[in-house]
């Protein structure tokens, strides 16, 4: 009886796996087919040697989706990735990461257009905020480095933002007063700083700074931005 129960459980487990992870349409080995994964994700597109290869669409369980080129089960080539929060990346991928020329549009409408490397902003690029402020120049690992020579307008703006004197900060006197009347402590991001360098400077962890400011792994900090350090 015990062996019979174990055999039934084994058969049920195999049936369940095949029922929830399977090729539901077409050719999922070499050709074009639709595959449903056990976690609810669904891929529809081209296959090669039973791997995602060519043009295809993958819809994830969290609501994000990717439409574009694949190579050896990795996002590779031109494509569009839409994140759960509504942000969007349109551009080149390499080995599953943003790499090459691409545009990242944030949920608030801000936009970065430029070069990427290993999933981060690296190289020449322009970050335009929803309010109209721009940063044009070189980027390294998601941090703004410098402006092109001769671009005095953007140099002046970058200097003001690095000193924490953005137009928004200057015109918002009430917010300054409220900050002074609390025990909250802030850090104004300067050009070239990263979350790691800021955490070392204030003896905090990167994770704590992210939690206090509701930042995720793909969030970008910029000169002039105020980061909350203590409540």
C-alpha atoms as a PDB file:
ATOM      1  CA  UNK A   1       0.000   0.000   0.000  1.00  0.00           C
ATOM      2  CA  UNK A   2       2.828   2.376   0.897  1.00  0.00           C
ATOM      3  CA  UNK A   3       4.550   1.734  -2.440  1.00  0.00           C
ATOM      4  CA  UNK A   4       1.277   2.347  -4.271  1.00  0.00           C
ATOM      5  CA  UNK A   5       0.805   5.744  -2.589  1.00  0.00           C
ATOM      6  CA  UNK A   6       4.388   6.771  -3.395  1.00  0.00           C
ATOM      7  CA  UNK A   7       3.909   5.728  -7.012  1.00  0.00           C
ATOM      8  CA  UNK A   8       0.706   7.754  -7.274  1.00  0.00           C
ATOM      9  CA  UNK A   9       2.393  10.827  -5.776  1.00  0.00           C
ATOM     10  CA  UNK A  10       5.257  10.492  -8.269  1.00  0.00           C
ATOM     11  CA  UNK A  11       2.847  10.267 -11.205  1.00  0.00           C
ATOM     12  CA  UNK A  12       0.872  13.274  -9.942  1.00  0.00           C
ATOM     13  CA  UNK A  13       4.048  15.369  -9.583  1.00  0.00           C
ATOM     14  CA  UNK A  14       5.094  14.558 -13.146  1.00  0.00           C
ATOM     15  CA  UNK A  15       1.628  15.349 -14.453  1.00  0.00           C
ATOM     16  CA  UNK A  16       1.531  18.658 -12.561  1.00  0.00           C
ATOM     17  CA  UNK A  17       4.896  19.752 -13.918  1.00  0.00           C
ATOM     18  CA  UNK A  18       3.917  18.904 -17.483  1.00  0.00           C
ATOM     19  CA  UNK A  19       0.550  20.615 -17.071  1.00  0.00           C
ATOM     20  CA  UNK A  20       1.961  23.922 -15.865  1.00  0.00           C
ATOM     21  CA  UNK A  21       5.230  24.085 -17.824  1.00  0.00           C
ATOM     22  CA  UNK A  22       4.801  23.106 -21.424  1.00  0.00           C
ATOM     23  CA  UNK A  23       4.817  24.122 -25.049  1.00  0.00           C
ATOM     24  CA  UNK A  24       1.199  25.041 -25.729  1.00  0.00           C
ATOM     25  CA  UNK A  25       1.483  25.913 -29.401  1.00  0.00           C
ATOM     26  CA  UNK A  26       3.873  25.503 -32.323  1.00  0.00           C
ATOM     27  CA  UNK A  27       7.476  24.306 -32.198  1.00  0.00           C
ATOM     28  CA  UNK A  28       9.380  25.110 -28.999  1.00  0.00           C
ATOM     29  CA  UNK A  29      12.551  23.355 -30.118  1.00  0.00           C
ATOM     30  CA  UNK A  30      13.441  24.826 -33.507  1.00  0.00           C
ATOM     31  CA  UNK A  31      10.930  27.226 -34.974  1.00  0.00           C
ATOM     32  CA  UNK A  32       8.182  29.414 -33.572  1.00  0.00           C
ATOM     33  CA  UNK A  33       6.173  28.419 -30.539  1.00  0.00           C
ATOM     34  CA  UNK A  34       4.396  29.436 -27.350  1.00  0.00           C
ATOM     35  CA  UNK A  35       5.638  28.174 -23.997  1.00  0.00           C
ATOM     36  CA  UNK A  36       3.926  28.516 -20.626  1.00  0.00           C
ATOM     37  CA  UNK A  37       6.212  28.354 -17.571  1.00  0.00           C
ATOM     38  CA  UNK A  38       5.326  26.844 -14.203  1.00  0.00           C
ATOM     39  CA  UNK A  39       5.436  30.283 -12.512  1.00  0.00           C
ATOM     40  CA  UNK A  40       2.834  31.704 -14.912  1.00  0.00           C
ATOM     41  CA  UNK A  41       5.204  33.473 -17.305  1.00  0.00           C
ATOM     42  CA  UNK A  42       4.538  33.037 -21.013  1.00  0.00           C
ATOM     43  CA  UNK A  43       6.864  33.242 -24.016  1.00  0.00           C
ATOM     44  CA  UNK A  44       5.778  33.477 -27.632  1.00  0.00           C
ATOM     45  CA  UNK A  45       8.386  33.632 -30.339  1.00  0.00           C
ATOM     46  CA  UNK A  46      11.313  31.933 -32.008  1.00  0.00           C
ATOM     47  CA  UNK A  47      13.305  28.982 -30.680  1.00  0.00           C
ATOM     48  CA  UNK A  48      16.633  27.345 -31.484  1.00  0.00           C
ATOM     49  CA  UNK A  49      17.830  24.123 -29.874  1.00  0.00           C
ATOM     50  CA  UNK A  50      15.021  24.423 -27.287  1.00  0.00           C
ATOM     51  CA  UNK A  51      16.223  27.893 -26.256  1.00  0.00           C
ATOM     52  CA  UNK A  52      14.771  31.369 -26.718  1.00  0.00           C
ATOM     53  CA  UNK A  53      16.549  32.604 -29.830  1.00  0.00           C
ATOM     54  CA  UNK A  54      15.359  35.232 -32.307  1.00  0.00           C
ATOM     55  CA  UNK A  55      12.356  37.547 -32.038  1.00  0.00           C
ATOM     56  CA  UNK A  56       9.975  36.940 -29.164  1.00  0.00           C
ATOM     57  CA  UNK A  57       7.790  38.241 -26.351  1.00  0.00           C
ATOM     58  CA  UNK A  58       8.045  37.165 -22.714  1.00  0.00           C
ATOM     59  CA  UNK A  59       5.321  38.233 -20.287  1.00  0.00           C
ATOM     60  CA  UNK A  60       6.294  37.847 -16.626  1.00  0.00           C
ATOM     61  CA  UNK A  61       3.989  37.100 -13.715  1.00  0.00           C
ATOM     62  CA  UNK A  62       4.676  40.486 -12.057  1.00  0.00           C
ATOM     63  CA  UNK A  63       3.279  42.330 -15.098  1.00  0.00           C
ATOM     64  CA  UNK A  64       6.592  43.241 -16.703  1.00  0.00           C
ATOM     65  CA  UNK A  65       7.264  42.169 -20.266  1.00  0.00           C
ATOM     66  CA  UNK A  66       9.985  42.124 -22.889  1.00  0.00           C
ATOM     67  CA  UNK A  67       9.484  42.341 -26.643  1.00  0.00           C
ATOM     68  CA  UNK A  68      12.558  41.984 -28.796  1.00  0.00           C
ATOM     69  CA  UNK A  69      15.503  39.842 -29.748  1.00  0.00           C
ATOM     70  CA  UNK A  70      16.832  36.847 -27.846  1.00  0.00           C
ATOM     71  CA  UNK A  71      19.974  34.743 -27.977  1.00  0.00           C
ATOM     72  CA  UNK A  72      20.604  31.577 -26.000  1.00  0.00           C
ATOM     73  CA  UNK A  73      17.773  32.318 -23.514  1.00  0.00           C
ATOM     74  CA  UNK A  74      19.043  35.879 -22.893  1.00  0.00           C
ATOM     75  CA  UNK A  75      17.721  39.274 -23.972  1.00  0.00           C
ATOM     76  CA  UNK A  76      20.231  40.119 -26.686  1.00  0.00           C
ATOM     77  CA  UNK A  77      19.900  42.735 -29.437  1.00  0.00           C
ATOM     78  CA  UNK A  78      17.191  45.354 -29.879  1.00  0.00           C
ATOM     79  CA  UNK A  79      14.208  45.244 -27.560  1.00  0.00           C
ATOM     80  CA  UNK A  80      11.732  46.942 -25.245  1.00  0.00           C
ATOM     81  CA  UNK A  81      11.395  46.069 -21.553  1.00  0.00           C
ATOM     82  CA  UNK A  82       8.443  47.410 -19.562  1.00  0.00           C
ATOM     83  CA  UNK A  83       8.811  47.228 -15.767  1.00  0.00           C
ATOM     84  CA  UNK A  84       6.017  46.626 -13.203  1.00  0.00           C
ATOM     85  CA  UNK A  85       6.090  50.297 -12.101  1.00  0.00           C
ATOM     86  CA  UNK A  86       5.463  51.498 -15.667  1.00  0.00           C
ATOM     87  CA  UNK A  87       9.020  52.550 -16.467  1.00  0.00           C
ATOM     88  CA  UNK A  88      10.314  51.478 -19.852  1.00  0.00           C
ATOM     89  CA  UNK A  89      13.641  50.760 -21.561  1.00  0.00           C
ATOM     90  CA  UNK A  90      13.901  50.854 -25.347  1.00  0.00           C
ATOM     91  CA  UNK A  91      17.254  49.974 -26.826  1.00  0.00           C
ATOM     92  CA  UNK A  92      20.037  47.450 -27.043  1.00  0.00           C
ATOM     93  CA  UNK A  93      20.670  44.452 -24.796  1.00  0.00           C
ATOM     94  CA  UNK A  94      23.627  42.128 -24.355  1.00  0.00           C
ATOM     95  CA  UNK A  95      23.586  38.888 -22.368  1.00  0.00           C
ATOM     96  CA  UNK A  96      20.360  39.890 -20.616  1.00  0.00           C
ATOM     97  CA  UNK A  97      21.440  43.411 -19.610  1.00  0.00           C
ATOM     98  CA  UNK A  98      20.967  46.914 -20.995  1.00  0.00           C
ATOM     99  CA  UNK A  99      24.070  47.433 -23.104  1.00  0.00           C
ATOM    100  CA  UNK A 100      24.694  49.847 -25.986  1.00  0.00           C
ATOM    101  CA  UNK A 101      22.434  52.717 -27.025  1.00  0.00           C
ATOM    102  CA  UNK A 102      19.104  53.003 -25.246  1.00  0.00           C
ATOM    103  CA  UNK A 103      16.346  55.144 -23.765  1.00  0.00           C
ATOM    104  CA  UNK A 104      14.979  54.697 -20.234  1.00  0.00           C
ATOM    105  CA  UNK A 105      11.673  56.408 -19.420  1.00  0.00           C
ATOM    106  CA  UNK A 106      10.808  56.779 -15.716  1.00  0.00           C
ATOM    107  CA  UNK A 107       7.256  56.598 -14.295  1.00  0.00           C
ATOM    108  CA  UNK A 108       7.165  60.400 -13.791  1.00  0.00           C
ATOM    109  CA  UNK A 109       8.103  61.068 -17.429  1.00  0.00           C
ATOM    110  CA  UNK A 110      11.791  61.797 -16.854  1.00  0.00           C
ATOM    111  CA  UNK A 111      13.992  60.273 -19.545  1.00  0.00           C
ATOM    112  CA  UNK A 112      17.582  59.175 -20.091  1.00  0.00           C
ATOM    113  CA  UNK A 113      18.845  58.827 -23.664  1.00  0.00           C
ATOM    114  CA  UNK A 114      22.371  57.570 -24.153  1.00  0.00           C
ATOM    115  CA  UNK A 115      24.864  54.785 -23.709  1.00  0.00           C
ATOM    116  CA  UNK A 116      24.649  51.792 -21.380  1.00  0.00           C
ATOM    117  CA  UNK A 117      27.070  49.140 -20.195  1.00  0.00           C
ATOM    118  CA  UNK A 118      26.323  46.064 -18.085  1.00  0.00           C
ATOM    119  CA  UNK A 119      22.857  47.321 -17.165  1.00  0.00           C
ATOM    120  CA  UNK A 120      23.945  50.811 -16.057  1.00  0.00           C
ATOM    121  CA  UNK A 121      24.276  54.260 -17.606  1.00  0.00           C
ATOM    122  CA  UNK A 122      27.838  54.458 -18.882  1.00  0.00           C
ATOM    123  CA  UNK A 123      29.182  56.840 -21.518  1.00  0.00           C
ATOM    124  CA  UNK A 124      27.602  59.833 -23.228  1.00  0.00           C
ATOM    125  CA  UNK A 125      23.983  60.540 -22.347  1.00  0.00           C
ATOM    126  CA  UNK A 126      21.265  63.061 -21.552  1.00  0.00           C
ATOM    127  CA  UNK A 127      18.964  62.853 -18.539  1.00  0.00           C
ATOM    128  CA  UNK A 128      15.909  65.109 -18.853  1.00  0.00           C
ATOM    129  CA  UNK A 129      13.720  65.532 -15.787  1.00  0.00           C
ATOM    130  CA  UNK A 130       9.960  65.972 -15.855  1.00  0.00           C
ATOM    131  CA  UNK A 131      10.366  69.629 -14.843  1.00  0.00           C
ATOM    132  CA  UNK A 132      12.695  70.358 -17.770  1.00  0.00           C
ATOM    133  CA  UNK A 133      16.130  70.271 -16.090  1.00  0.00           C
ATOM    134  CA  UNK A 134      18.802  68.482 -18.104  1.00  0.00           C
ATOM    135  CA  UNK A 135      22.125  66.790 -17.504  1.00  0.00           C
ATOM    136  CA  UNK A 136      24.159  66.306 -20.674  1.00  0.00           C
ATOM    137  CA  UNK A 137      27.535  64.628 -20.505  1.00  0.00           C
ATOM    138  CA  UNK A 138      29.406  61.582 -19.302  1.00  0.00           C
ATOM    139  CA  UNK A 139      27.976  58.933 -16.972  1.00  0.00           C
ATOM    140  CA  UNK A 140      29.606  56.119 -15.050  1.00  0.00           C
ATOM    141  CA  UNK A 141      27.729  53.331 -13.259  1.00  0.00           C
ATOM    142  CA  UNK A 142      24.487  55.367 -13.142  1.00  0.00           C
ATOM    143  CA  UNK A 143      26.260  58.473 -11.787  1.00  0.00           C
ATOM    144  CA  UNK A 144      26.667  61.793 -13.614  1.00  0.00           C
ATOM    145  CA  UNK A 145      30.350  62.665 -14.135  1.00  0.00           C
ATOM    146  CA  UNK A 146      30.788  65.765 -16.291  1.00  0.00           C
ATOM    147  CA  UNK A 147      29.522  67.928 -19.156  1.00  0.00           C
ATOM    148  CA  UNK A 148      30.961  68.269 -22.640  1.00  0.00           C
ATOM    149  CA  UNK A 149      33.430  71.152 -23.017  1.00  0.00           C
ATOM    150  CA  UNK A 150      31.868  74.463 -23.965  1.00  0.00           C
ATOM    151  CA  UNK A 151      28.401  73.618 -22.677  1.00  0.00           C
ATOM    152  CA  UNK A 152      28.296  76.482 -20.170  1.00  0.00           C
ATOM    153  CA  UNK A 153      24.528  76.347 -19.656  1.00  0.00           C
ATOM    154  CA  UNK A 154      24.619  72.788 -18.433  1.00  0.00           C
ATOM    155  CA  UNK A 155      27.824  73.362 -16.468  1.00  0.00           C
ATOM    156  CA  UNK A 156      26.139  76.139 -14.514  1.00  0.00           C
ATOM    157  CA  UNK A 157      23.072  73.999 -13.870  1.00  0.00           C
ATOM    158  CA  UNK A 158      25.182  71.060 -12.763  1.00  0.00           C
ATOM    159  CA  UNK A 159      27.139  73.300 -10.389  1.00  0.00           C
ATOM    160  CA  UNK A 160      23.953  74.654  -8.836  1.00  0.00           C
ATOM    161  CA  UNK A 161      22.531  71.169  -8.428  1.00  0.00           C
ATOM    162  CA  UNK A 162      25.782  69.910  -6.893  1.00  0.00           C
ATOM    163  CA  UNK A 163      25.607  72.727  -4.327  1.00  0.00           C
ATOM    164  CA  UNK A 164      21.982  71.926  -3.595  1.00  0.00           C
ATOM    165  CA  UNK A 165      20.762  75.179  -5.148  1.00  0.00           C
ATOM    166  CA  UNK A 166      18.300  73.868  -7.689  1.00  0.00           C
ATOM    167  CA  UNK A 167      15.439  76.103  -8.727  1.00  0.00           C
ATOM    168  CA  UNK A 168      13.045  73.857  -6.891  1.00  0.00           C
ATOM    169  CA  UNK A 169      15.046  74.115  -3.657  1.00  0.00           C
ATOM    170  CA  UNK A 170      15.383  77.892  -3.957  1.00  0.00           C
ATOM    171  CA  UNK A 171      11.673  78.454  -4.509  1.00  0.00           C
ATOM    172  CA  UNK A 172      10.539  76.045  -1.802  1.00  0.00           C
ATOM    173  CA  UNK A 173      11.309  77.964   1.394  1.00  0.00           C
ATOM    174  CA  UNK A 174       8.557  76.247   3.304  1.00  0.00           C
ATOM    175  CA  UNK A 175      10.139  72.850   2.757  1.00  0.00           C
ATOM    176  CA  UNK A 176      13.455  74.165   4.128  1.00  0.00           C
ATOM    177  CA  UNK A 177      11.735  75.414   7.263  1.00  0.00           C
ATOM    178  CA  UNK A 178      10.011  72.098   7.818  1.00  0.00           C
ATOM    179  CA  UNK A 179      13.341  70.270   7.455  1.00  0.00           C
ATOM    180  CA  UNK A 180      14.984  72.480  10.079  1.00  0.00           C
ATOM    181  CA  UNK A 181      12.222  71.906  12.602  1.00  0.00           C
ATOM    182  CA  UNK A 182      12.680  68.137  12.526  1.00  0.00           C
ATOM    183  CA  UNK A 183      15.506  65.809  13.440  1.00  0.00           C
ATOM    184  CA  UNK A 184      15.749  64.483   9.917  1.00  0.00           C
ATOM    185  CA  UNK A 185      19.206  64.496   8.363  1.00  0.00           C
ATOM    186  CA  UNK A 186      19.804  64.811   4.623  1.00  0.00           C
ATOM    187  CA  UNK A 187      22.669  64.527   2.180  1.00  0.00           C
ATOM    188  CA  UNK A 188      22.746  66.505  -1.062  1.00  0.00           C
ATOM    189  CA  UNK A 189      24.220  64.397  -3.846  1.00  0.00           C
ATOM    190  CA  UNK A 190      27.253  65.865  -5.605  1.00  0.00           C
ATOM    191  CA  UNK A 191      28.548  65.056  -9.079  1.00  0.00           C
ATOM    192  CA  UNK A 192      30.341  61.710  -9.173  1.00  0.00           C
ATOM    193  CA  UNK A 193      28.923  60.370  -5.910  1.00  0.00           C
ATOM    194  CA  UNK A 194      27.381  56.923  -5.634  1.00  0.00           C
ATOM    195  CA  UNK A 195      25.185  55.332  -2.978  1.00  0.00           C
ATOM    196  CA  UNK A 196      28.221  53.369  -1.838  1.00  0.00           C
ATOM    197  CA  UNK A 197      30.446  56.438  -1.369  1.00  0.00           C
ATOM    198  CA  UNK A 198      27.616  58.257   0.441  1.00  0.00           C
ATOM    199  CA  UNK A 199      27.012  55.289   2.752  1.00  0.00           C
ATOM    200  CA  UNK A 200      30.719  55.149   3.652  1.00  0.00           C
ATOM    201  CA  UNK A 201      30.811  58.879   4.326  1.00  0.00           C
ATOM    202  CA  UNK A 202      27.893  58.753   6.769  1.00  0.00           C
ATOM    203  CA  UNK A 203      28.647  55.310   8.241  1.00  0.00           C
ATOM    204  CA  UNK A 204      25.443  53.780   6.874  1.00  0.00           C
ATOM    205  CA  UNK A 205      24.611  50.848   4.645  1.00  0.00           C
ATOM    206  CA  UNK A 206      23.486  51.223   1.042  1.00  0.00           C
ATOM    207  CA  UNK A 207      20.398  49.165   1.885  1.00  0.00           C
ATOM    208  CA  UNK A 208      19.386  51.577   4.679  1.00  0.00           C
ATOM    209  CA  UNK A 209      19.689  54.593   2.364  1.00  0.00           C
ATOM    210  CA  UNK A 210      17.580  52.788  -0.239  1.00  0.00           C
ATOM    211  CA  UNK A 211      14.900  51.938   2.323  1.00  0.00           C
ATOM    212  CA  UNK A 212      14.746  55.493   3.718  1.00  0.00           C
ATOM    213  CA  UNK A 213      14.405  56.981   0.230  1.00  0.00           C
ATOM    214  CA  UNK A 214      12.313  54.200  -1.329  1.00  0.00           C
ATOM    215  CA  UNK A 215      14.968  53.411  -3.935  1.00  0.00           C
ATOM    216  CA  UNK A 216      15.261  50.110  -5.771  1.00  0.00           C
ATOM    217  CA  UNK A 217      18.259  48.488  -7.465  1.00  0.00           C
ATOM    218  CA  UNK A 218      17.607  50.328 -10.747  1.00  0.00           C
ATOM    219  CA  UNK A 219      17.044  53.768  -9.177  1.00  0.00           C
ATOM    220  CA  UNK A 220      19.416  56.530 -10.284  1.00  0.00           C
ATOM    221  CA  UNK A 221      20.695  59.297  -8.026  1.00  0.00           C
ATOM    222  CA  UNK A 222      21.621  62.661  -9.508  1.00  0.00           C
ATOM    223  CA  UNK A 223      23.494  65.810  -8.439  1.00  0.00           C
ATOM    224  CA  UNK A 224      21.307  68.065  -6.303  1.00  0.00           C
ATOM    225  CA  UNK A 225      19.083  65.228  -5.115  1.00  0.00           C
ATOM    226  CA  UNK A 226      18.446  65.165  -1.353  1.00  0.00           C
ATOM    227  CA  UNK A 227      18.741  61.786   0.293  1.00  0.00           C
ATOM    228  CA  UNK A 228      17.198  61.148   3.701  1.00  0.00           C
ATOM    229  CA  UNK A 229      19.742  59.696   6.135  1.00  0.00           C
ATOM    230  CA  UNK A 230      17.823  59.628   9.439  1.00  0.00           C
ATOM    231  CA  UNK A 231      14.182  59.927  10.453  1.00  0.00           C
END
